[in-house]
Amino acid sequence: MSITQIAIQEATNRKNLLLLVSLRWVAVLGQVAAIVVAARWLRIDLPVLDMGCVIVFLIGLNLITLIRSRSGRTVSNLELLIELLVDVSALTVQLYLSGGAANPFVSLFLLQAALGAVLLRPWASWTIVAVASLCYIGLMVVYREIAMAMPMPGHGQLILYSLHVSGMFVCFLLAAILLVLFITRINGNLREQDLRLAELRQQSAEEGHVVRLGLLASGAAHELGTPLSTISVILNDWRQMPSIQGQPDLVEDLAEIQAQLARCKDIVSGILRSSGEARGEGAARASLIAFFDDVIEDWERSRDPAVLAYDNRIESDVLIASDGLLKQVMFNILDNAYEASPTAIRVLVAQERDELSITVRDSGPGFADTMLAQLGTPYLSTKGAPGHGLGLFLVVNVVRKLGGRLMISNLPEGGALVALSIPLAALSVDMVRG
């Protein structure tokens, strides 16, 4: 079992421990009510003081358990077993003081066994069954006789039998209600545990996919480095040739080709810097405000959109370790918005408490319902071309690695909204001194 699975199991055990606390409160109230009815109304001679001590013990145990559950320490299967064994022992003492196995509430042992079967591992569940069975057998032999405080006239035995049958029905009803209530809640905890495990398995698979993509990109970058350098050398030689220098249009075209080639080399270098390195390793420090201004300027210069409304509302500047990941995230989001709406893109960058907030709006057709429902699934795209659908997938995983949140939605007035929230601490920041 992995560390994550152990942590999820411990969280489930803590929830189940709190359910046992709730059940014990119900048991305390039920015992108080049963003692009051038996002693006051039915005039049964009970050792009220002794039985009251057991109730006080259960109340104290519940308070200690509540404090224990909030301490943050691990709740193990053994601790749940001990809690249930204490409940079995307390029930045994109460039954001993009130007639032993003849008490109609003796079948509450079944409730303890059922809870053990749901909460505990098999060996621990059978331990509860064995202990409850031994207690039941002991109550058949050793117990305190109960008697009516006032003698019953006439058919006293018939009245006692009627009370016993009525008590058995009350016990059945109580056990049935408690079993349905608590086993339903316990099953809910188990379903939440299974759902969380499924989410973690999906996240692990996606992160593995990102690692494979990173390795592929790194390998491609290494392979592309040499031919790009060769092309750059050839272009420089061409530009020095007299026959080409006499043709201004050709010189201008070569200059544009060389500029695009330089951009390709920058991209390759960025991939090589990012692949296989821890975040911030070898990264340059940059002002947060200047970083976003430069990113938007670089993207606008390379894409040349018709309209780009950029608003930087970061009030207190900070220093970040800029390693290219956040820049790539911004480029992916802006490229998606540009493809959907080349004539109208709005970008807002702001700082909200300790988080960086980024929103990108466009006026395109919006996201398909399948994309909204499966945000971040690789190769899910509306473009219908091979290799597409990785942009948002990479964005989702980078934002998740940074401990942030990503939300995409369609706007009522048309277009789409992509919103990111990233903790500033994840960007390795220091406050800039003003």
Protein backbone atom coordinates (compact mmCIF):
# COMPACT_ATOMS: atom_id res chain seq x y z
CA MET A 1 0.00 0.00 0.00
CA SER A 2 1.39 3.39 -1.01
CA ILE A 3 1.84 6.35 1.35
CA THR A 4 -1.10 8.13 -0.30
CA GLN A 5 -3.37 5.10 0.09
CA ILE A 6 -2.35 4.82 3.76
CA ALA A 7 -3.21 8.50 4.27
CA ILE A 8 -6.65 8.02 2.68
CA GLN A 9 -7.26 4.92 4.83
CA GLU A 10 -6.32 6.88 7.96
CA ALA A 11 -8.75 9.67 7.00
CA THR A 12 -11.51 7.08 6.56
CA ASN A 13 -10.64 5.50 9.94
CA ARG A 14 -10.91 8.93 11.58
CA LYS A 15 -14.38 9.44 10.10
CA ASN A 16 -15.43 5.97 11.26
CA LEU A 17 -14.09 6.71 14.75
CA LEU A 18 -16.32 9.79 14.89
CA LEU A 19 -19.25 7.59 13.84
CA LEU A 20 -18.52 5.33 16.82
CA VAL A 21 -18.55 8.40 19.03
CA SER A 22 -21.98 9.33 17.66
CA LEU A 23 -23.23 5.79 18.25
CA ARG A 24 -21.94 5.89 21.82
CA TRP A 25 -23.86 9.15 22.47
CA VAL A 26 -27.00 7.38 21.25
CA ALA A 27 -26.20 4.44 23.56
CA VAL A 28 -25.78 6.80 26.54
CA LEU A 29 -29.13 8.49 25.88
CA GLY A 30 -30.81 5.11 25.34
CA GLN A 31 -29.45 3.68 28.57
CA VAL A 32 -30.52 6.73 30.55
CA ALA A 33 -34.03 6.49 29.09
CA ALA A 34 -34.23 2.71 29.72
CA ILE A 35 -33.11 3.08 33.36
CA VAL A 36 -35.60 5.88 34.00
CA VAL A 37 -38.49 3.94 32.45
CA ALA A 38 -37.59 0.69 34.23
CA ALA A 39 -37.00 2.24 37.65
CA ARG A 40 -39.67 4.95 37.72
CA TRP A 41 -42.47 3.61 35.59
CA LEU A 42 -42.14 -0.19 35.73
CA ARG A 43 -40.92 -0.14 39.35
CA ILE A 44 -38.04 -2.55 38.61
CA ASP A 45 -35.38 -2.65 41.31
CA LEU A 46 -32.15 -1.69 39.49
CA PRO A 47 -28.70 -0.73 40.85
CA VAL A 48 -29.09 2.78 39.44
CA LEU A 49 -25.84 4.06 40.96
CA ASP A 50 -23.71 1.27 39.46
CA MET A 51 -25.36 1.59 36.07
CA GLY A 52 -24.94 5.35 36.23
CA CYS A 53 -21.19 4.90 36.75
CA VAL A 54 -21.00 2.92 33.50
CA ILE A 55 -22.80 5.77 31.70
CA VAL A 56 -20.40 8.33 33.17
CA PHE A 57 -17.49 6.15 32.01
CA LEU A 58 -18.92 6.10 28.44
CA ILE A 59 -19.31 9.89 28.48
CA GLY A 60 -15.70 10.32 29.62
CA LEU A 61 -14.50 7.87 26.96
CA ASN A 62 -16.34 9.83 24.29
CA LEU A 63 -14.77 13.11 25.38
CA ILE A 64 -11.28 11.55 25.37
CA THR A 65 -11.93 10.04 21.93
CA LEU A 66 -13.06 13.41 20.54
CA ILE A 67 -9.89 15.08 21.84
CA ARG A 68 -7.84 12.21 20.43
CA SER A 69 -9.47 12.49 16.98
CA ARG A 70 -8.60 16.20 16.75
CA SER A 71 -4.94 15.69 17.63
CA GLY A 72 -4.09 14.72 14.05
CA ARG A 73 -2.50 11.42 15.07
CA THR A 74 -3.08 8.24 13.13
CA VAL A 75 -6.31 6.29 13.77
CA SER A 76 -5.47 2.64 13.21
CA ASN A 77 -7.54 -0.50 12.80
CA LEU A 78 -6.34 -1.59 16.26
CA GLU A 79 -7.72 1.58 17.84
CA LEU A 80 -11.13 1.01 16.25
CA LEU A 81 -11.03 -2.58 17.57
CA ILE A 82 -10.26 -1.37 21.10
CA GLU A 83 -13.09 1.19 20.95
CA LEU A 84 -15.58 -1.52 19.95
CA LEU A 85 -14.27 -3.92 22.62
CA VAL A 86 -14.81 -1.20 25.24
CA ASP A 87 -18.39 -0.77 24.00
CA VAL A 88 -18.95 -4.54 24.21
CA SER A 89 -17.55 -4.54 27.76
CA ALA A 90 -19.76 -1.61 28.85
CA LEU A 91 -22.85 -3.33 27.38
CA THR A 92 -21.90 -6.55 29.19
CA VAL A 93 -21.64 -4.74 32.55
CA GLN A 94 -25.03 -3.06 32.06
CA LEU A 95 -26.65 -6.37 31.13
CA TYR A 96 -25.01 -8.07 34.12
CA LEU A 97 -26.55 -5.47 36.41
CA SER A 98 -30.01 -5.84 34.85
CA GLY A 99 -30.81 -9.54 34.52
CA GLY A 100 -28.02 -10.97 32.34
CA ALA A 101 -28.96 -12.92 29.22
CA ALA A 102 -32.64 -12.67 30.14
CA ASN A 103 -32.51 -8.92 29.46
CA PRO A 104 -34.20 -8.31 26.09
CA PHE A 105 -31.45 -5.86 25.13
CA VAL A 106 -28.87 -8.68 25.03
CA SER A 107 -29.28 -8.85 21.24
CA LEU A 108 -27.47 -5.50 20.99
CA PHE A 109 -24.33 -7.67 20.84
CA LEU A 110 -25.33 -8.27 17.22
CA LEU A 111 -25.06 -4.53 16.56
CA GLN A 112 -21.46 -4.54 17.79
CA ALA A 113 -20.63 -7.55 15.61
CA ALA A 114 -22.20 -5.90 12.55
CA LEU A 115 -20.23 -2.69 13.09
CA GLY A 116 -17.04 -4.71 13.49
CA ALA A 117 -17.69 -6.51 10.21
CA VAL A 118 -18.03 -3.18 8.37
CA LEU A 119 -15.28 -1.17 10.09
CA LEU A 120 -12.53 -3.66 10.86
CA ARG A 121 -10.24 -6.06 9.10
CA PRO A 122 -11.43 -9.70 9.07
CA TRP A 123 -9.29 -10.87 12.01
CA ALA A 124 -10.50 -7.93 14.13
CA SER A 125 -14.14 -8.55 13.15
CA TRP A 126 -13.90 -12.17 14.30
CA THR A 127 -12.32 -10.96 17.53
CA ILE A 128 -15.45 -8.86 18.20
CA VAL A 129 -17.67 -11.88 17.44
CA ALA A 130 -15.65 -14.11 19.78
CA VAL A 131 -15.60 -11.61 22.66
CA ALA A 132 -19.33 -10.82 22.31
CA SER A 133 -20.15 -14.55 22.25
CA LEU A 134 -18.11 -15.19 25.40
CA CYS A 135 -19.83 -12.26 27.14
CA TYR A 136 -23.23 -13.62 26.13
CA ILE A 137 -22.36 -17.08 27.51
CA GLY A 138 -21.05 -15.54 30.72
CA LEU A 139 -24.28 -13.55 31.18
CA MET A 140 -26.23 -16.82 31.01
CA VAL A 141 -24.36 -18.00 34.09
CA VAL A 142 -23.38 -14.91 36.07
CA TYR A 143 -25.76 -11.99 36.47
CA ARG A 144 -27.66 -9.93 39.01
CA GLU A 145 -31.27 -10.89 39.48
CA ILE A 146 -33.80 -8.11 39.03
CA ALA A 147 -37.06 -7.85 40.91
CA MET A 148 -40.05 -5.55 41.01
CA ALA A 149 -39.85 -2.89 43.68
CA MET A 150 -43.54 -3.61 44.43
CA PRO A 151 -45.10 -7.10 44.21
CA MET A 152 -47.38 -7.64 41.19
CA PRO A 153 -50.89 -8.78 41.98
CA GLY A 154 -52.50 -11.64 40.06
CA HIS A 155 -50.81 -12.70 36.83
CA GLY A 156 -47.36 -11.37 37.67
CA GLN A 157 -45.47 -13.84 35.46
CA LEU A 158 -47.69 -13.00 32.47
CA ILE A 159 -47.00 -9.29 32.96
CA LEU A 160 -43.25 -9.93 33.16
CA TYR A 161 -43.41 -12.01 29.97
CA SER A 162 -45.31 -9.23 28.22
CA LEU A 163 -42.70 -6.69 29.34
CA HIS A 164 -39.93 -8.97 28.08
CA VAL A 165 -41.54 -9.31 24.64
CA SER A 166 -42.07 -5.55 24.47
CA GLY A 167 -38.44 -4.99 25.40
CA MET A 168 -37.33 -7.37 22.66
CA PHE A 169 -39.32 -5.39 20.10
CA VAL A 170 -37.83 -2.10 21.30
CA CYS A 171 -34.36 -3.64 21.10
CA PHE A 172 -35.02 -4.93 17.56
CA LEU A 173 -36.34 -1.55 16.42
CA LEU A 174 -33.39 0.31 17.97
CA ALA A 175 -30.79 -2.06 16.49
CA ALA A 176 -32.42 -1.95 13.02
CA ILE A 177 -32.53 1.86 12.96
CA LEU A 178 -28.95 2.21 14.18
CA LEU A 179 -27.66 -0.37 11.72
CA VAL A 180 -29.30 1.35 8.77
CA LEU A 181 -28.16 4.83 9.85
CA PHE A 182 -24.58 4.06 10.71
CA ILE A 183 -23.79 1.40 8.11
CA THR A 184 -25.16 3.78 5.46
CA ARG A 185 -22.81 6.50 6.71
CA ILE A 186 -19.89 4.06 6.94
CA ASN A 187 -20.52 2.89 3.37
CA GLY A 188 -20.57 6.56 2.36
CA ASN A 189 -17.11 6.98 3.91
CA LEU A 190 -15.89 3.92 2.01
CA ARG A 191 -17.30 5.24 -1.27
CA GLU A 192 -15.53 8.56 -0.69
CA GLN A 193 -12.32 6.64 -0.05
CA ASP A 194 -12.72 4.65 -3.29
CA LEU A 195 -13.51 7.82 -5.24
CA ARG A 196 -10.44 9.58 -3.84
CA LEU A 197 -8.25 6.60 -4.72
CA ALA A 198 -9.66 6.59 -8.25
CA GLU A 199 -8.92 10.31 -8.60
CA LEU A 200 -5.35 9.78 -7.39
CA ARG A 201 -4.84 6.91 -9.84
CA GLN A 202 -6.13 9.13 -12.66
CA GLN A 203 -3.85 11.96 -11.55
CA SER A 204 -0.88 9.59 -11.39
CA ALA A 205 -1.62 8.35 -14.91
CA GLU A 206 -1.86 11.93 -16.21
CA GLU A 207 1.39 12.91 -14.54
CA GLY A 208 3.06 9.84 -16.05
CA HIS A 209 1.77 10.98 -19.43
CA VAL A 210 3.28 14.42 -18.85
CA VAL A 211 6.62 12.83 -17.96
CA ARG A 212 6.58 10.83 -21.21
CA LEU A 213 5.73 13.97 -23.16
CA GLY A 214 8.58 15.79 -21.45
CA LEU A 215 11.02 13.05 -22.38
CA LEU A 216 9.75 13.10 -25.95
CA ALA A 217 10.05 16.89 -26.13
CA SER A 218 13.53 16.79 -24.62
CA GLY A 219 14.68 14.18 -27.14
CA ALA A 220 13.17 16.13 -30.02
CA ALA A 221 14.86 19.31 -28.80
CA HIS A 222 18.25 17.61 -28.72
CA GLU A 223 17.73 16.25 -32.22
CA LEU A 224 16.61 19.64 -33.57
CA GLY A 225 19.50 21.58 -32.07
CA THR A 226 22.11 20.53 -34.64
CA PRO A 227 20.08 21.10 -37.85
CA LEU A 228 18.86 24.47 -36.58
CA SER A 229 22.43 25.55 -35.92
CA THR A 230 23.45 24.34 -39.39
CA ILE A 231 20.62 26.27 -41.04
CA SER A 232 21.59 29.39 -39.08
CA VAL A 233 25.19 29.16 -40.33
CA ILE A 234 24.06 28.70 -43.94
CA LEU A 235 21.71 31.69 -43.69
CA ASN A 236 24.52 33.86 -42.35
CA ASP A 237 26.71 32.78 -45.28
CA TRP A 238 23.96 33.57 -47.76
CA ARG A 239 23.44 37.04 -46.34
CA GLN A 240 27.15 37.79 -46.91
CA MET A 241 27.04 36.77 -50.60
CA PRO A 242 27.30 39.81 -52.98
CA SER A 243 24.67 38.38 -55.34
CA ILE A 244 22.12 38.31 -52.53
CA GLN A 245 23.07 41.64 -50.96
CA GLY A 246 22.07 43.30 -54.21
CA GLN A 247 18.48 42.05 -53.84
CA PRO A 248 16.78 43.96 -50.98
CA ASP A 249 13.61 41.80 -51.04
CA LEU A 250 15.63 38.64 -50.69
CA VAL A 251 17.73 40.14 -47.91
CA GLU A 252 14.54 41.07 -46.05
CA ASP A 253 13.14 37.55 -46.48
CA LEU A 254 16.38 36.02 -45.19
CA ALA A 255 16.27 38.34 -42.18
CA GLU A 256 12.69 37.21 -41.41
CA ILE A 257 13.69 33.56 -41.81
CA GLN A 258 16.63 34.09 -39.47
CA ALA A 259 14.37 35.80 -36.90
CA GLN A 260 11.95 32.85 -36.97
CA LEU A 261 14.89 30.47 -36.77
CA ALA A 262 16.15 32.30 -33.69
CA ARG A 263 12.73 31.91 -32.14
CA CYS A 264 12.80 28.16 -32.85
CA LYS A 265 16.20 27.94 -31.18
CA ASP A 266 14.86 29.80 -28.13
CA ILE A 267 11.98 27.34 -27.87
CA VAL A 268 14.35 24.38 -28.12
CA SER A 269 16.61 25.91 -25.46
CA GLY A 270 13.62 26.46 -23.18
CA ILE A 271 12.58 22.82 -23.54
CA LEU A 272 16.08 21.63 -22.70
CA ARG A 273 16.25 23.93 -19.66
CA SER A 274 12.88 22.75 -18.33
CA SER A 275 13.09 19.01 -18.95
CA GLY A 276 14.35 16.95 -16.05
CA GLU A 277 15.03 19.90 -13.75
CA ALA A 278 13.45 20.76 -10.43
CA ARG A 279 11.39 23.89 -10.44
CA GLY A 280 13.55 26.97 -10.00
CA GLU A 281 16.84 25.17 -10.69
CA GLY A 282 18.96 27.51 -12.75
CA ALA A 283 15.99 29.82 -13.17
CA ALA A 284 16.37 33.55 -13.46
CA ARG A 285 14.75 35.82 -10.92
CA ALA A 286 12.29 38.28 -12.36
CA SER A 287 9.76 40.83 -11.19
CA LEU A 288 6.24 39.42 -11.33
CA ILE A 289 4.86 42.55 -13.03
CA ALA A 290 7.70 42.69 -15.54
CA PHE A 291 7.45 38.96 -16.17
CA PHE A 292 3.82 39.15 -17.31
CA ASP A 293 4.42 42.33 -19.27
CA ASP A 294 7.26 40.58 -21.13
CA VAL A 295 5.23 37.40 -21.70
CA ILE A 296 2.31 39.31 -23.19
CA GLU A 297 4.66 41.45 -25.28
CA ASP A 298 6.47 38.36 -26.62
CA TRP A 299 3.23 36.58 -27.43
CA GLU A 300 1.69 39.65 -29.09
CA ARG A 301 4.81 40.24 -31.18
CA SER A 302 4.91 36.64 -32.43
CA ARG A 303 1.15 36.22 -33.06
CA ASP A 304 0.13 39.78 -33.97
CA PRO A 305 -3.56 39.58 -32.89
CA ALA A 306 -6.01 42.22 -34.14
CA VAL A 307 -7.13 43.20 -30.61
CA LEU A 308 -5.48 42.29 -27.30
CA ALA A 309 -6.73 44.06 -24.17
CA TYR A 310 -4.14 43.47 -21.45
CA ASP A 311 -4.63 44.73 -17.89
CA ASN A 312 -1.94 44.14 -15.24
CA ARG A 313 -3.42 44.95 -11.81
CA ILE A 314 -0.67 43.49 -9.62
CA GLU A 315 -0.24 46.07 -6.87
CA SER A 316 2.61 44.73 -4.71
CA ASP A 317 5.40 43.46 -6.91
CA VAL A 318 7.23 40.25 -5.99
CA LEU A 319 10.25 38.37 -7.27
CA ILE A 320 9.64 34.99 -8.88
CA ALA A 321 11.90 32.20 -10.08
CA SER A 322 11.09 32.27 -13.79
CA ASP A 323 11.89 28.90 -15.37
CA GLY A 324 9.62 29.09 -18.43
CA LEU A 325 6.79 26.86 -17.16
CA LEU A 326 4.44 29.73 -16.38
CA LYS A 327 5.34 31.41 -19.67
CA GLN A 328 4.48 28.21 -21.55
CA VAL A 329 1.17 28.00 -19.68
CA MET A 330 0.31 31.55 -20.71
CA PHE A 331 1.29 30.90 -24.34
CA ASN A 332 -0.91 27.77 -24.48
CA ILE A 333 -3.94 29.60 -23.06
CA LEU A 334 -3.45 32.63 -25.30
CA ASP A 335 -2.95 30.43 -28.37
CA ASN A 336 -6.24 28.65 -27.67
CA ALA A 337 -8.02 32.00 -27.26
CA TYR A 338 -6.38 33.34 -30.45
CA GLU A 339 -7.49 30.32 -32.49
CA ALA A 340 -11.06 30.70 -31.23
CA SER A 341 -11.23 34.50 -31.40
CA PRO A 342 -8.39 36.22 -33.30
CA THR A 343 -10.11 39.62 -33.16
CA ALA A 344 -10.87 40.02 -29.44
CA ILE A 345 -8.82 38.73 -26.48
CA ARG A 346 -8.83 40.18 -22.98
CA VAL A 347 -6.22 39.32 -20.35
CA LEU A 348 -6.39 40.33 -16.69
CA VAL A 349 -3.59 39.62 -14.21
CA ALA A 350 -4.13 40.49 -10.55
CA GLN A 351 -2.97 39.60 -7.07
CA GLU A 352 -5.62 38.44 -4.60
CA ARG A 353 -4.14 38.08 -1.11
CA ASP A 354 -1.50 35.34 -1.46
CA GLU A 355 -2.63 34.12 -4.87
CA LEU A 356 -1.95 35.13 -8.44
CA SER A 357 -5.16 35.44 -10.48
CA ILE A 358 -5.06 35.20 -14.28
CA THR A 359 -8.15 35.40 -16.52
CA VAL A 360 -8.27 35.16 -20.30
CA ARG A 361 -11.51 35.92 -22.17
CA ASP A 362 -12.29 35.52 -25.84
CA SER A 363 -15.30 36.08 -28.10
CA GLY A 364 -15.23 32.73 -29.87
CA PRO A 365 -17.79 29.90 -29.95
CA GLY A 366 -16.83 28.68 -26.48
CA PHE A 367 -15.87 25.23 -25.26
CA ALA A 368 -17.80 22.10 -26.19
CA ASP A 369 -19.69 20.37 -23.37
CA THR A 370 -17.38 17.35 -23.60
CA MET A 371 -14.34 19.54 -22.97
CA LEU A 372 -15.97 21.23 -19.99
CA ALA A 373 -16.84 17.83 -18.54
CA GLN A 374 -13.38 16.31 -19.18
CA LEU A 375 -11.08 19.23 -18.51
CA GLY A 376 -7.43 18.31 -18.97
CA THR A 377 -7.96 15.00 -20.79
CA PRO A 378 -5.09 14.53 -23.29
CA TYR A 379 -5.87 14.60 -27.01
CA LEU A 380 -9.37 15.94 -26.38
CA SER A 381 -9.78 18.78 -28.86
CA THR A 382 -12.36 20.44 -31.08
CA LYS A 383 -9.79 20.91 -33.85
CA GLY A 384 -10.05 17.32 -35.07
CA ALA A 385 -6.38 17.13 -36.07
CA PRO A 386 -3.77 14.62 -34.85
CA GLY A 387 -1.60 15.84 -31.99
CA HIS A 388 -4.05 18.48 -30.82
CA GLY A 389 -5.64 18.52 -27.37
CA LEU A 390 -2.39 18.70 -25.39
CA GLY A 391 -2.44 22.44 -24.62
CA LEU A 392 -5.03 22.46 -21.83
CA PHE A 393 -3.82 19.05 -20.66
CA LEU A 394 -0.34 20.46 -20.03
CA VAL A 395 -1.81 23.63 -18.49
CA VAL A 396 -3.91 21.58 -16.04
CA ASN A 397 -0.93 19.50 -14.93
CA VAL A 398 1.43 22.46 -14.54
CA VAL A 399 -1.16 24.39 -12.50
CA ARG A 400 -1.81 21.29 -10.39
CA LYS A 401 1.93 20.90 -9.74
CA LEU A 402 2.04 24.51 -8.56
CA GLY A 403 -0.85 23.87 -6.17
CA GLY A 404 -3.22 26.10 -8.12
CA ARG A 405 -6.68 25.82 -9.64
CA LEU A 406 -7.90 26.06 -13.24
CA MET A 407 -11.48 26.83 -14.26
CA ILE A 408 -12.87 27.05 -17.78
CA SER A 409 -16.42 28.11 -18.64
CA ASN A 410 -18.55 29.58 -21.39
CA LEU A 411 -19.75 33.15 -20.91
CA PRO A 412 -23.48 33.95 -21.15
CA GLU A 413 -22.79 36.75 -23.62
CA GLY A 414 -20.68 34.42 -25.78
CA GLY A 415 -17.06 33.39 -25.76
CA ALA A 416 -15.06 31.51 -23.17
CA LEU A 417 -13.29 32.25 -19.88
CA VAL A 418 -10.12 30.56 -18.61
CA ALA A 419 -9.26 31.47 -15.00
CA LEU A 420 -6.14 30.42 -13.06
CA SER A 421 -5.33 30.85 -9.38
CA ILE A 422 -1.76 30.05 -8.36
CA PRO A 423 -0.26 30.47 -4.86
CA LEU A 424 2.52 33.05 -4.99
CA ALA A 425 4.56 30.85 -2.65
CA ALA A 426 4.69 28.20 -5.39
CA LEU A 427 6.60 30.64 -7.58
CA SER A 428 9.36 31.04 -4.97
CA VAL A 429 8.69 34.71 -4.32
CA ASP A 430 10.33 37.38 -2.18
CA MET A 431 8.72 40.74 -1.64
CA VAL A 432 10.37 43.47 -3.67
CA ARG A 433 11.50 46.31 -1.49
CA GLY A 434 9.92 49.56 -2.60
